[in-house]
Amino acid sequence: MNTAGWLADTRTSYDTVATSYADQVRDLLDRTPYERTALKLFADFVETTGRGPVADVGCGSGRITAHLHERGVDAFGIDLSPAMIEVARRDHPGLRFEVGSMTDLDLADASLAGLVAWYSLIHVPDDEIGLVLAQFRRVLRPGGPLLLSFHVGDESRLKTQGYGGHPMKIHIHRRQPGRVAAWLDDAGFTVEAQMTLSSAESTLGAILFARRRPDTQEGP
C-alpha cells in the first residue's frame, strides 16, 4: 500500500469528522476503568524511569494527552489531522499539540520519557508497522515505556462513514496481541505485559506495555 495514499485518506477522514469525533469520545474514559488503570500504570512507569516529555501519538482530540497531564505527566499530543489538532487545542488550552505523522516523527533521538499510541495504529497497514515502530524506538530513551492499544481480530475493513454519519475512507486493521508483540520484539522493544478487554473503547481490545531495549541488547 502506498504510504502517501493511506496517510492522505486518514488525514482527510479525520479532518472531516474532527468535531463530531471529539463530542462522541470526550467522556469515554469515564466508562472505561481498565483503560484508566492502564494509563495510571503507564504514568507511574514514566515517573519511576526519570520523568520527561511523553508523546501521545495519534492524539486525536487530545483526551488521553489531557488525562495523562492531569496525572502529572509532561504529555503532549501529535496527530496527522490539522482539524483534530485545532479541536485538541480548543478543548485543552495550555497543552501542547502539533501536527505530525507517526511515520516520520519530528522529534530528536532518545528525547522522550514515554510514548502512547492509543488506538492509533489501527489505520497503519501491516507493511508500514515496522517503519512506525522504528520511529517510536528512535525517539524513546532506552528503557522508556511504550503503551499501545488496538482492536483485536484477524481482519481489516474499509470504513466509509462514521462519527455522526460523515464520509470517511480509512481501513481499520484488527490484530492479535501475539502478532503485535512479535513486531515490537523485532523493532527493539521488550514486551512486559499485555491484556485483552471489552469496554466502551472496543468490543475486544488489547493493551500492551513494552520498553525500548538498549542498543546493545538483543532479544527479550
N, C-alpha and C. Protein backbone atom coordinates (compact mmCIF):
# COMPACT_ATOMS: atom_id res chain seq x y z
N MET A 1 0.84 -1.19 0.00
CA MET A 1 0.00 0.00 0.00
C MET A 1 0.88 1.24 0.00
N ASN A 2 0.52 2.25 -0.78
CA ASN A 2 1.29 3.48 -0.88
C ASN A 2 1.16 4.29 0.40
N THR A 3 2.32 4.67 0.98
CA THR A 3 2.29 5.40 2.25
C THR A 3 1.53 6.71 2.12
N ALA A 4 1.86 7.47 1.07
CA ALA A 4 1.19 8.76 0.89
C ALA A 4 -0.31 8.60 0.75
N GLY A 5 -0.76 7.49 0.12
CA GLY A 5 -2.19 7.29 -0.09
C GLY A 5 -2.95 7.07 1.19
N TRP A 6 -2.50 6.13 2.04
CA TRP A 6 -3.27 5.87 3.26
C TRP A 6 -3.13 7.01 4.26
N LEU A 7 -1.99 7.70 4.26
CA LEU A 7 -1.86 8.86 5.14
C LEU A 7 -2.81 9.97 4.71
N ALA A 8 -2.90 10.22 3.42
CA ALA A 8 -3.80 11.26 2.93
C ALA A 8 -5.26 10.92 3.23
N ASP A 9 -5.64 9.67 3.03
CA ASP A 9 -7.01 9.26 3.34
C ASP A 9 -7.31 9.40 4.82
N THR A 10 -6.35 9.04 5.67
CA THR A 10 -6.56 9.14 7.12
C THR A 10 -6.68 10.60 7.53
N ARG A 11 -5.80 11.44 7.00
CA ARG A 11 -5.85 12.87 7.34
C ARG A 11 -7.18 13.49 6.93
N THR A 12 -7.59 13.24 5.69
CA THR A 12 -8.83 13.83 5.19
C THR A 12 -10.04 13.32 5.97
N SER A 13 -10.04 12.03 6.28
CA SER A 13 -11.18 11.45 7.00
C SER A 13 -11.33 12.09 8.38
N TYR A 14 -10.23 12.22 9.10
CA TYR A 14 -10.33 12.76 10.45
C TYR A 14 -10.49 14.29 10.45
N ASP A 15 -10.01 14.96 9.41
CA ASP A 15 -10.35 16.38 9.28
C ASP A 15 -11.87 16.54 9.15
N THR A 16 -12.49 15.63 8.42
CA THR A 16 -13.94 15.71 8.18
C THR A 16 -14.75 15.47 9.44
N VAL A 17 -14.31 14.56 10.30
CA VAL A 17 -15.13 14.15 11.45
C VAL A 17 -14.64 14.75 12.77
N ALA A 18 -13.65 15.64 12.74
CA ALA A 18 -12.96 16.06 13.97
C ALA A 18 -13.91 16.53 15.07
N THR A 19 -14.83 17.41 14.74
CA THR A 19 -15.70 17.97 15.78
C THR A 19 -16.65 16.91 16.34
N SER A 20 -17.27 16.13 15.47
CA SER A 20 -18.21 15.11 15.96
C SER A 20 -17.46 13.99 16.69
N TYR A 21 -16.26 13.65 16.24
CA TYR A 21 -15.44 12.66 16.93
C TYR A 21 -15.17 13.11 18.36
N ALA A 22 -14.75 14.34 18.52
CA ALA A 22 -14.45 14.86 19.86
C ALA A 22 -15.67 14.80 20.76
N ASP A 23 -16.83 15.14 20.22
CA ASP A 23 -18.06 15.10 21.02
C ASP A 23 -18.39 13.69 21.48
N GLN A 24 -18.13 12.70 20.63
CA GLN A 24 -18.51 11.32 20.95
C GLN A 24 -17.56 10.65 21.94
N VAL A 25 -16.28 11.05 21.93
CA VAL A 25 -15.31 10.33 22.77
C VAL A 25 -14.87 11.13 24.00
N ARG A 26 -15.38 12.35 24.13
CA ARG A 26 -14.89 13.26 25.18
C ARG A 26 -14.91 12.62 26.57
N ASP A 27 -15.97 11.93 26.93
CA ASP A 27 -16.11 11.36 28.28
C ASP A 27 -15.95 9.84 28.30
N LEU A 28 -15.33 9.30 27.28
CA LEU A 28 -15.23 7.85 27.16
C LEU A 28 -14.45 7.22 28.30
N LEU A 29 -13.41 7.87 28.78
CA LEU A 29 -12.61 7.30 29.87
C LEU A 29 -13.41 7.16 31.17
N ASP A 30 -14.47 7.94 31.31
CA ASP A 30 -15.32 7.81 32.49
C ASP A 30 -15.98 6.44 32.54
N ARG A 31 -16.09 5.77 31.39
CA ARG A 31 -16.76 4.46 31.30
C ARG A 31 -15.79 3.31 31.07
N THR A 32 -14.50 3.57 31.23
CA THR A 32 -13.50 2.54 30.93
C THR A 32 -12.48 2.42 32.07
N PRO A 33 -12.86 1.77 33.17
CA PRO A 33 -11.96 1.71 34.33
C PRO A 33 -10.66 0.96 34.06
N TYR A 34 -10.69 -0.08 33.23
CA TYR A 34 -9.46 -0.82 32.96
C TYR A 34 -8.48 0.03 32.17
N GLU A 35 -8.99 0.81 31.23
CA GLU A 35 -8.12 1.70 30.46
C GLU A 35 -7.52 2.78 31.37
N ARG A 36 -8.34 3.31 32.28
CA ARG A 36 -7.81 4.31 33.21
C ARG A 36 -6.69 3.71 34.07
N THR A 37 -6.87 2.46 34.49
CA THR A 37 -5.84 1.79 35.28
C THR A 37 -4.56 1.62 34.47
N ALA A 38 -4.69 1.25 33.21
CA ALA A 38 -3.51 1.10 32.35
C ALA A 38 -2.78 2.42 32.19
N LEU A 39 -3.52 3.49 32.01
CA LEU A 39 -2.89 4.80 31.85
C LEU A 39 -2.22 5.25 33.14
N LYS A 40 -2.82 4.92 34.28
CA LYS A 40 -2.19 5.25 35.56
C LYS A 40 -0.88 4.48 35.73
N LEU A 41 -0.89 3.21 35.38
CA LEU A 41 0.31 2.40 35.48
C LEU A 41 1.40 2.95 34.56
N PHE A 42 1.02 3.34 33.37
CA PHE A 42 1.98 3.95 32.44
C PHE A 42 2.56 5.23 33.04
N ALA A 43 1.71 6.07 33.62
CA ALA A 43 2.20 7.30 34.25
C ALA A 43 3.17 6.99 35.38
N ASP A 44 2.89 5.96 36.14
CA ASP A 44 3.81 5.54 37.22
C ASP A 44 5.15 5.10 36.64
N PHE A 45 5.12 4.36 35.54
CA PHE A 45 6.37 3.94 34.90
C PHE A 45 7.20 5.14 34.47
N VAL A 46 6.55 6.13 33.87
CA VAL A 46 7.26 7.33 33.43
C VAL A 46 7.94 8.01 34.62
N GLU A 47 7.22 8.10 35.73
CA GLU A 47 7.78 8.75 36.91
C GLU A 47 8.99 7.99 37.46
N THR A 48 8.91 6.67 37.49
CA THR A 48 9.99 5.89 38.08
C THR A 48 11.20 5.77 37.16
N THR A 49 11.05 6.07 35.88
CA THR A 49 12.18 5.99 34.96
C THR A 49 12.78 7.36 34.64
N GLY A 50 12.43 8.37 35.43
CA GLY A 50 13.11 9.65 35.30
C GLY A 50 12.29 10.81 34.79
N ARG A 51 11.03 10.60 34.52
CA ARG A 51 10.14 11.65 34.02
C ARG A 51 10.67 12.22 32.71
N GLY A 52 10.06 13.31 32.27
CA GLY A 52 10.41 13.90 30.99
C GLY A 52 9.21 13.93 30.06
N PRO A 53 9.38 14.45 28.85
CA PRO A 53 8.24 14.58 27.93
C PRO A 53 7.73 13.23 27.44
N VAL A 54 6.42 13.16 27.26
CA VAL A 54 5.74 11.95 26.79
C VAL A 54 4.86 12.33 25.62
N ALA A 55 5.00 11.60 24.52
CA ALA A 55 4.20 11.87 23.33
C ALA A 55 2.99 10.96 23.26
N ASP A 56 1.84 11.56 23.01
CA ASP A 56 0.61 10.83 22.70
C ASP A 56 0.46 10.90 21.19
N VAL A 57 0.89 9.83 20.51
CA VAL A 57 0.99 9.84 19.05
C VAL A 57 -0.32 9.33 18.44
N GLY A 58 -0.92 10.17 17.61
CA GLY A 58 -2.27 9.90 17.13
C GLY A 58 -3.26 10.34 18.18
N CYS A 59 -3.04 11.54 18.71
CA CYS A 59 -3.77 12.01 19.90
C CYS A 59 -5.22 12.36 19.62
N GLY A 60 -5.60 12.54 18.35
CA GLY A 60 -6.97 12.92 18.06
C GLY A 60 -7.34 14.22 18.73
N SER A 61 -8.44 14.22 19.46
CA SER A 61 -8.93 15.44 20.11
C SER A 61 -8.27 15.71 21.45
N GLY A 62 -7.28 14.90 21.83
CA GLY A 62 -6.45 15.23 22.98
C GLY A 62 -6.89 14.71 24.32
N ARG A 63 -7.86 13.80 24.35
CA ARG A 63 -8.39 13.36 25.64
C ARG A 63 -7.38 12.55 26.44
N ILE A 64 -6.57 11.71 25.78
CA ILE A 64 -5.58 10.91 26.50
C ILE A 64 -4.43 11.80 26.95
N THR A 65 -4.02 12.74 26.10
CA THR A 65 -2.99 13.71 26.48
C THR A 65 -3.41 14.44 27.75
N ALA A 66 -4.63 14.93 27.77
CA ALA A 66 -5.12 15.69 28.93
C ALA A 66 -5.21 14.81 30.16
N HIS A 67 -5.66 13.57 29.98
CA HIS A 67 -5.77 12.64 31.10
C HIS A 67 -4.40 12.39 31.73
N LEU A 68 -3.40 12.16 30.91
CA LEU A 68 -2.05 11.96 31.44
C LEU A 68 -1.52 13.22 32.12
N HIS A 69 -1.79 14.37 31.52
CA HIS A 69 -1.36 15.63 32.12
C HIS A 69 -1.95 15.81 33.51
N GLU A 70 -3.20 15.45 33.67
CA GLU A 70 -3.85 15.56 34.98
C GLU A 70 -3.19 14.66 36.02
N ARG A 71 -2.49 13.65 35.57
CA ARG A 71 -1.79 12.72 36.47
C ARG A 71 -0.31 13.04 36.59
N GLY A 72 0.05 14.25 36.22
CA GLY A 72 1.40 14.73 36.44
C GLY A 72 2.39 14.42 35.34
N VAL A 73 1.92 13.88 34.22
CA VAL A 73 2.82 13.54 33.12
C VAL A 73 2.99 14.76 32.21
N ASP A 74 4.22 14.99 31.78
CA ASP A 74 4.51 16.09 30.85
C ASP A 74 4.16 15.62 29.44
N ALA A 75 2.86 15.52 29.19
CA ALA A 75 2.37 14.93 27.95
C ALA A 75 2.06 15.99 26.91
N PHE A 76 2.32 15.64 25.65
CA PHE A 76 1.92 16.47 24.53
C PHE A 76 1.40 15.56 23.42
N GLY A 77 0.60 16.14 22.52
CA GLY A 77 -0.07 15.33 21.51
C GLY A 77 0.41 15.62 20.11
N ILE A 78 0.43 14.57 19.29
CA ILE A 78 0.77 14.67 17.87
C ILE A 78 -0.33 13.97 17.09
N ASP A 79 -0.81 14.61 16.03
CA ASP A 79 -1.82 13.96 15.20
C ASP A 79 -1.64 14.38 13.75
N LEU A 80 -2.00 13.48 12.85
CA LEU A 80 -1.89 13.71 11.42
C LEU A 80 -2.89 14.74 10.93
N SER A 81 -4.01 14.88 11.62
CA SER A 81 -5.12 15.72 11.17
C SER A 81 -5.03 17.13 11.75
N PRO A 82 -4.84 18.15 10.91
CA PRO A 82 -4.84 19.52 11.42
C PRO A 82 -6.14 19.90 12.12
N ALA A 83 -7.27 19.40 11.62
CA ALA A 83 -8.54 19.73 12.26
C ALA A 83 -8.63 19.13 13.65
N MET A 84 -8.12 17.91 13.82
CA MET A 84 -8.08 17.29 15.15
C MET A 84 -7.21 18.12 16.10
N ILE A 85 -6.09 18.60 15.61
CA ILE A 85 -5.22 19.41 16.46
C ILE A 85 -5.91 20.72 16.86
N GLU A 86 -6.65 21.30 15.95
CA GLU A 86 -7.42 22.51 16.29
C GLU A 86 -8.41 22.23 17.41
N VAL A 87 -9.12 21.10 17.32
CA VAL A 87 -10.09 20.73 18.36
C VAL A 87 -9.37 20.45 19.68
N ALA A 88 -8.24 19.75 19.63
CA ALA A 88 -7.49 19.46 20.85
C ALA A 88 -7.04 20.74 21.53
N ARG A 89 -6.55 21.70 20.77
CA ARG A 89 -6.12 22.98 21.35
C ARG A 89 -7.30 23.75 21.91
N ARG A 90 -8.44 23.64 21.25
CA ARG A 90 -9.66 24.30 21.75
C ARG A 90 -10.13 23.69 23.06
N ASP A 91 -10.14 22.36 23.12
CA ASP A 91 -10.69 21.66 24.29
C ASP A 91 -9.71 21.62 25.46
N HIS A 92 -8.41 21.72 25.17
CA HIS A 92 -7.40 21.60 26.22
C HIS A 92 -6.38 22.72 26.10
N PRO A 93 -6.83 23.96 26.31
CA PRO A 93 -5.92 25.09 26.17
C PRO A 93 -4.77 25.00 27.18
N GLY A 94 -3.60 25.40 26.72
CA GLY A 94 -2.44 25.35 27.59
C GLY A 94 -1.59 24.11 27.40
N LEU A 95 -2.15 23.07 26.78
CA LEU A 95 -1.38 21.88 26.49
C LEU A 95 -0.80 21.97 25.08
N ARG A 96 0.25 21.23 24.85
CA ARG A 96 0.96 21.27 23.57
C ARG A 96 0.40 20.22 22.62
N PHE A 97 0.00 20.67 21.44
CA PHE A 97 -0.46 19.78 20.38
C PHE A 97 0.15 20.23 19.07
N GLU A 98 0.57 19.28 18.25
CA GLU A 98 1.18 19.63 16.98
C GLU A 98 0.82 18.61 15.91
N VAL A 99 0.79 19.08 14.67
CA VAL A 99 0.52 18.22 13.53
C VAL A 99 1.79 17.44 13.19
N GLY A 100 1.65 16.15 12.97
CA GLY A 100 2.79 15.33 12.61
C GLY A 100 2.35 13.92 12.26
N SER A 101 3.27 13.17 11.68
CA SER A 101 2.99 11.80 11.26
C SER A 101 3.85 10.82 12.04
N MET A 102 3.24 9.72 12.49
CA MET A 102 3.99 8.69 13.20
C MET A 102 4.99 7.97 12.31
N THR A 103 4.88 8.17 10.99
CA THR A 103 5.85 7.57 10.07
C THR A 103 7.14 8.39 9.98
N ASP A 104 7.12 9.61 10.49
CA ASP A 104 8.30 10.48 10.42
C ASP A 104 8.20 11.53 11.52
N LEU A 105 8.43 11.11 12.75
CA LEU A 105 8.24 12.00 13.90
C LEU A 105 9.31 13.09 13.92
N ASP A 106 8.87 14.32 14.07
CA ASP A 106 9.78 15.46 14.13
C ASP A 106 10.25 15.67 15.58
N LEU A 107 10.95 14.66 16.08
CA LEU A 107 11.44 14.66 17.46
C LEU A 107 12.87 14.15 17.45
N ALA A 108 13.65 14.66 18.39
CA ALA A 108 15.05 14.25 18.48
C ALA A 108 15.18 12.81 18.96
N ASP A 109 16.26 12.17 18.60
CA ASP A 109 16.53 10.81 19.06
C ASP A 109 16.57 10.77 20.58
N ALA A 110 15.98 9.74 21.17
CA ALA A 110 16.00 9.48 22.62
C ALA A 110 15.55 10.70 23.43
N SER A 111 14.57 11.42 22.90
CA SER A 111 14.11 12.64 23.58
C SER A 111 12.89 12.44 24.46
N LEU A 112 12.26 11.26 24.40
CA LEU A 112 11.01 11.04 25.13
C LEU A 112 11.21 10.10 26.31
N ALA A 113 10.51 10.42 27.40
CA ALA A 113 10.48 9.53 28.56
C ALA A 113 9.43 8.45 28.42
N GLY A 114 8.52 8.61 27.49
CA GLY A 114 7.47 7.62 27.26
C GLY A 114 6.68 7.97 26.01
N LEU A 115 5.95 6.99 25.49
CA LEU A 115 5.15 7.21 24.29
C LEU A 115 3.89 6.36 24.37
N VAL A 116 2.77 6.96 23.99
CA VAL A 116 1.47 6.29 23.96
C VAL A 116 0.94 6.31 22.53
N ALA A 117 0.44 5.19 22.06
CA ALA A 117 -0.29 5.13 20.79
C ALA A 117 -1.62 4.45 21.10
N TRP A 118 -2.62 5.26 21.41
CA TRP A 118 -3.90 4.78 21.93
C TRP A 118 -4.88 4.58 20.79
N TYR A 119 -5.04 3.35 20.36
CA TYR A 119 -5.89 3.01 19.23
C TYR A 119 -5.54 3.83 17.98
N SER A 120 -4.28 4.20 17.85
CA SER A 120 -3.88 5.00 16.69
C SER A 120 -3.08 4.22 15.66
N LEU A 121 -2.71 2.97 15.97
CA LEU A 121 -2.06 2.12 14.96
C LEU A 121 -3.07 1.39 14.09
N ILE A 122 -4.34 1.55 14.37
CA ILE A 122 -5.36 0.73 13.71
C ILE A 122 -5.52 1.06 12.23
N HIS A 123 -5.02 2.20 11.78
CA HIS A 123 -5.12 2.56 10.37
C HIS A 123 -3.81 2.33 9.62
N VAL A 124 -2.78 1.87 10.31
CA VAL A 124 -1.47 1.67 9.68
C VAL A 124 -1.43 0.30 9.01
N PRO A 125 -1.14 0.21 7.73
CA PRO A 125 -1.06 -1.09 7.06
C PRO A 125 0.07 -1.95 7.65
N ASP A 126 -0.06 -3.25 7.50
CA ASP A 126 0.94 -4.16 8.05
C ASP A 126 2.34 -3.83 7.57
N ASP A 127 2.48 -3.50 6.28
CA ASP A 127 3.81 -3.28 5.75
C ASP A 127 4.42 -1.94 6.15
N GLU A 128 3.68 -1.14 6.91
CA GLU A 128 4.21 0.13 7.41
C GLU A 128 4.45 0.09 8.92
N ILE A 129 4.01 -0.97 9.58
CA ILE A 129 4.15 -1.05 11.04
C ILE A 129 5.62 -0.99 11.46
N GLY A 130 6.49 -1.69 10.74
CA GLY A 130 7.90 -1.68 11.09
C GLY A 130 8.49 -0.28 11.06
N LEU A 131 8.11 0.51 10.07
CA LEU A 131 8.57 1.90 9.96
C LEU A 131 8.11 2.71 11.16
N VAL A 132 6.84 2.55 11.53
CA VAL A 132 6.29 3.31 12.65
C VAL A 132 6.97 2.92 13.96
N LEU A 133 7.13 1.62 14.21
CA LEU A 133 7.76 1.19 15.45
C LEU A 133 9.23 1.60 15.51
N ALA A 134 9.88 1.66 14.37
CA ALA A 134 11.26 2.15 14.34
C ALA A 134 11.32 3.62 14.76
N GLN A 135 10.33 4.40 14.34
CA GLN A 135 10.25 5.79 14.77
C GLN A 135 10.01 5.89 16.28
N PHE A 136 9.12 5.04 16.79
CA PHE A 136 8.86 5.04 18.23
C PHE A 136 10.14 4.74 19.00
N ARG A 137 10.87 3.74 18.55
CA ARG A 137 12.10 3.36 19.24
C ARG A 137 13.14 4.47 19.17
N ARG A 138 13.24 5.10 18.01
CA ARG A 138 14.24 6.16 17.83
C ARG A 138 14.05 7.30 18.82
N VAL A 139 12.80 7.71 19.04
CA VAL A 139 12.55 8.90 19.87
C VAL A 139 12.47 8.59 21.36
N LEU A 140 12.33 7.31 21.72
CA LEU A 140 12.27 6.93 23.13
C LEU A 140 13.67 6.77 23.72
N ARG A 141 13.79 7.13 24.99
CA ARG A 141 15.02 6.84 25.71
C ARG A 141 15.13 5.34 25.93
N PRO A 142 16.35 4.80 26.03
CA PRO A 142 16.48 3.39 26.41
C PRO A 142 15.77 3.13 27.74
N GLY A 143 14.97 2.10 27.76
CA GLY A 143 14.18 1.78 28.94
C GLY A 143 12.87 2.52 29.03
N GLY A 144 12.64 3.44 28.11
CA GLY A 144 11.40 4.22 28.14
C GLY A 144 10.18 3.37 27.84
N PRO A 145 9.07 3.58 28.56
CA PRO A 145 7.87 2.76 28.36
C PRO A 145 7.07 3.17 27.12
N LEU A 146 6.50 2.17 26.49
CA LEU A 146 5.61 2.34 25.35
C LEU A 146 4.29 1.68 25.69
N LEU A 147 3.20 2.40 25.49
CA LEU A 147 1.85 1.87 25.75
C LEU A 147 1.08 1.87 24.44
N LEU A 148 0.64 0.69 24.02
CA LEU A 148 -0.14 0.54 22.80
C LEU A 148 -1.51 -0.03 23.12
N SER A 149 -2.52 0.44 22.41
CA SER A 149 -3.83 -0.20 22.47
C SER A 149 -4.35 -0.32 21.04
N PHE A 150 -5.14 -1.36 20.79
CA PHE A 150 -5.62 -1.62 19.44
C PHE A 150 -6.79 -2.60 19.51
N HIS A 151 -7.51 -2.71 18.40
CA HIS A 151 -8.61 -3.66 18.29
C HIS A 151 -8.07 -5.05 17.96
N VAL A 152 -8.64 -6.05 18.59
CA VAL A 152 -8.18 -7.43 18.41
C VAL A 152 -9.01 -8.13 17.33
N GLY A 153 -8.33 -8.88 16.48
CA GLY A 153 -9.00 -9.65 15.45
C GLY A 153 -8.02 -10.04 14.37
N ASP A 154 -8.56 -10.53 13.27
CA ASP A 154 -7.73 -11.01 12.17
C ASP A 154 -8.10 -10.37 10.84
N GLU A 155 -8.98 -9.39 10.87
CA GLU A 155 -9.46 -8.87 9.60
C GLU A 155 -9.23 -7.36 9.52
N SER A 156 -9.30 -6.86 8.29
CA SER A 156 -9.28 -5.42 8.01
C SER A 156 -10.55 -5.07 7.24
N ARG A 157 -11.04 -3.88 7.48
CA ARG A 157 -12.23 -3.45 6.74
C ARG A 157 -12.12 -1.97 6.40
N LEU A 158 -12.78 -1.60 5.33
CA LEU A 158 -12.81 -0.21 4.90
C LEU A 158 -13.99 0.49 5.58
N LYS A 159 -13.70 1.57 6.29
CA LYS A 159 -14.75 2.36 6.93
C LYS A 159 -15.06 3.56 6.04
N THR A 160 -16.31 3.67 5.63
CA THR A 160 -16.69 4.74 4.71
C THR A 160 -17.58 5.80 5.35
N GLN A 161 -17.96 5.57 6.59
CA GLN A 161 -18.82 6.54 7.27
C GLN A 161 -18.62 6.39 8.77
N GLY A 162 -18.68 7.49 9.50
CA GLY A 162 -18.53 7.39 10.94
C GLY A 162 -18.66 8.72 11.65
N TYR A 163 -18.81 8.63 12.98
CA TYR A 163 -18.82 9.81 13.85
C TYR A 163 -19.80 10.87 13.35
N GLY A 164 -21.06 10.55 13.46
CA GLY A 164 -22.10 11.48 13.05
C GLY A 164 -22.54 11.31 11.61
N GLY A 165 -22.13 10.22 10.96
CA GLY A 165 -22.55 9.96 9.60
C GLY A 165 -21.72 10.63 8.53
N HIS A 166 -20.58 11.20 8.90
CA HIS A 166 -19.73 11.88 7.93
C HIS A 166 -18.97 10.86 7.08
N PRO A 167 -18.67 11.20 5.84
CA PRO A 167 -17.93 10.27 4.98
C PRO A 167 -16.48 10.10 5.44
N MET A 168 -16.00 8.89 5.37
CA MET A 168 -14.61 8.57 5.69
C MET A 168 -14.10 7.57 4.67
N LYS A 169 -12.80 7.45 4.59
CA LYS A 169 -12.17 6.44 3.73
C LYS A 169 -10.90 5.96 4.43
N ILE A 170 -11.08 5.05 5.37
CA ILE A 170 -9.95 4.53 6.14
C ILE A 170 -10.12 3.03 6.35
N HIS A 171 -9.02 2.34 6.36
CA HIS A 171 -9.04 0.92 6.71
C HIS A 171 -8.80 0.79 8.21
N ILE A 172 -9.56 -0.09 8.84
CA ILE A 172 -9.36 -0.43 10.25
C ILE A 172 -8.80 -1.84 10.31
N HIS A 173 -7.60 -1.96 10.86
CA HIS A 173 -6.90 -3.24 10.92
C HIS A 173 -6.98 -3.79 12.34
N ARG A 174 -7.57 -4.96 12.47
CA ARG A 174 -7.61 -5.67 13.76
C ARG A 174 -6.47 -6.69 13.79
N ARG A 175 -5.80 -6.79 14.94
CA ARG A 175 -4.63 -7.65 15.05
C ARG A 175 -4.65 -8.45 16.34
N GLN A 176 -3.96 -9.58 16.31
CA GLN A 176 -3.81 -10.40 17.50
C GLN A 176 -2.65 -9.86 18.35
N PRO A 177 -2.79 -9.88 19.68
CA PRO A 177 -1.72 -9.37 20.54
C PRO A 177 -0.38 -10.03 20.30
N GLY A 178 -0.37 -11.33 20.05
CA GLY A 178 0.89 -12.02 19.81
C GLY A 178 1.62 -11.50 18.59
N ARG A 179 0.86 -11.15 17.57
CA ARG A 179 1.47 -10.62 16.35
C ARG A 179 2.08 -9.25 16.61
N VAL A 180 1.37 -8.39 17.33
CA VAL A 180 1.89 -7.07 17.65
C VAL A 180 3.11 -7.19 18.56
N ALA A 181 3.07 -8.12 19.52
CA ALA A 181 4.21 -8.33 20.40
C ALA A 181 5.44 -8.77 19.61
N ALA A 182 5.25 -9.60 18.59
CA ALA A 182 6.37 -10.04 17.76
C ALA A 182 6.95 -8.86 16.97
N TRP A 183 6.08 -8.02 16.45
CA TRP A 183 6.56 -6.82 15.76
C TRP A 183 7.38 -5.95 16.70
N LEU A 184 6.91 -5.78 17.93
CA LEU A 184 7.63 -4.97 18.90
C LEU A 184 9.01 -5.57 19.20
N ASP A 185 9.06 -6.86 19.37
CA ASP A 185 10.34 -7.53 19.63
C ASP A 185 11.31 -7.29 18.47
N ASP A 186 10.82 -7.43 17.26
CA ASP A 186 11.66 -7.20 16.08
C ASP A 186 12.15 -5.76 16.01
N ALA A 187 11.35 -4.82 16.54
CA ALA A 187 11.70 -3.40 16.46
C ALA A 187 12.59 -2.94 17.60
N GLY A 188 12.93 -3.85 18.54
CA GLY A 188 13.83 -3.47 19.61
C GLY A 188 13.15 -3.12 20.92
N PHE A 189 11.96 -3.67 21.12
CA PHE A 189 11.23 -3.47 22.37
C PHE A 189 11.10 -4.80 23.12
N THR A 190 11.01 -4.69 24.43
CA THR A 190 10.69 -5.84 25.27
C THR A 190 9.27 -5.68 25.79
N VAL A 191 8.40 -6.60 25.43
CA VAL A 191 7.02 -6.56 25.91
C VAL A 191 6.98 -7.10 27.33
N GLU A 192 6.45 -6.31 28.25
CA GLU A 192 6.41 -6.69 29.66
C GLU A 192 5.05 -7.21 30.10
N ALA A 193 3.99 -6.76 29.46
CA ALA A 193 2.65 -7.20 29.87
C ALA A 193 1.67 -6.93 28.75
N GLN A 194 0.61 -7.72 28.72
CA GLN A 194 -0.47 -7.48 27.77
C GLN A 194 -1.78 -7.97 28.36
N MET A 195 -2.85 -7.32 27.92
CA MET A 195 -4.17 -7.72 28.39
C MET A 195 -5.16 -7.51 27.27
N THR A 196 -6.24 -8.29 27.27
CA THR A 196 -7.36 -8.08 26.38
C THR A 196 -8.58 -7.73 27.22
N LEU A 197 -9.47 -6.96 26.63
CA LEU A 197 -10.62 -6.49 27.38
C LEU A 197 -11.72 -6.04 26.44
N SER A 198 -12.92 -6.01 26.97
CA SER A 198 -14.07 -5.45 26.27
C SER A 198 -14.57 -4.26 27.07
N SER A 199 -14.84 -3.17 26.40
CA SER A 199 -15.27 -1.96 27.09
C SER A 199 -15.88 -1.01 26.08
N ALA A 200 -16.16 0.19 26.52
CA ALA A 200 -16.70 1.21 25.63
C ALA A 200 -15.69 1.60 24.56
N GLU A 201 -14.41 1.33 24.78
CA GLU A 201 -13.39 1.64 23.79
C GLU A 201 -13.42 0.67 22.61
N SER A 202 -13.66 -0.61 22.89
CA SER A 202 -13.58 -1.63 21.86
C SER A 202 -14.36 -2.87 22.29
N THR A 203 -15.04 -3.50 21.34
CA THR A 203 -15.73 -4.75 21.66
C THR A 203 -14.74 -5.82 22.09
N LEU A 204 -13.52 -5.79 21.54
CA LEU A 204 -12.42 -6.60 22.02
C LEU A 204 -11.14 -5.85 21.70
N GLY A 205 -10.49 -5.36 22.74
CA GLY A 205 -9.28 -4.58 22.57
C GLY A 205 -8.11 -5.22 23.29
N ALA A 206 -6.93 -4.72 23.00
CA ALA A 206 -5.72 -5.17 23.67
C ALA A 206 -4.90 -3.97 24.11
N ILE A 207 -4.20 -4.13 25.22
CA ILE A 207 -3.28 -3.13 25.73
C ILE A 207 -1.95 -3.83 25.97
N LEU A 208 -0.88 -3.28 25.41
CA LEU A 208 0.46 -3.83 25.57
C LEU A 208 1.37 -2.80 26.21
N PHE A 209 2.14 -3.25 27.21
CA PHE A 209 3.19 -2.45 27.81
C PHE A 209 4.53 -2.98 27.32
N ALA A 210 5.38 -2.10 26.85
CA ALA A 210 6.71 -2.50 26.39
C ALA A 210 7.71 -1.43 26.77
N ARG A 211 8.99 -1.79 26.67
CA ARG A 211 10.07 -0.82 26.90
C ARG A 211 11.07 -0.91 25.76
N ARG A 212 11.67 0.22 25.46
CA ARG A 212 12.73 0.23 24.46
C ARG A 212 13.98 -0.43 25.03
N ARG A 213 14.50 -1.44 24.32
CA ARG A 213 15.74 -2.07 24.74
C ARG A 213 16.93 -1.18 24.42
N PRO A 214 18.00 -1.25 25.21
CA PRO A 214 19.23 -0.55 24.85
C PRO A 214 19.76 -1.05 23.52
N ASP A 215 20.56 -0.25 22.86
CA ASP A 215 21.08 -0.62 21.55
C ASP A 215 21.89 -1.89 21.56
N THR A 216 22.58 -2.17 22.67
CA THR A 216 23.47 -3.32 22.74
C THR A 216 22.77 -4.60 23.12
N GLN A 217 21.49 -4.53 23.51
CA GLN A 217 20.78 -5.72 23.98
C GLN A 217 19.95 -6.32 22.88
N GLU A 218 20.12 -7.58 22.64
CA GLU A 218 19.36 -8.27 21.61
C GLU A 218 18.40 -9.27 22.26
N GLY A 219 17.24 -9.43 21.66
CA GLY A 219 16.27 -10.40 22.17
C GLY A 219 15.60 -9.93 23.43
N PRO A 220 14.70 -10.71 24.00
CA PRO A 220 13.94 -10.32 25.19
C PRO A 220 14.79 -10.34 26.44
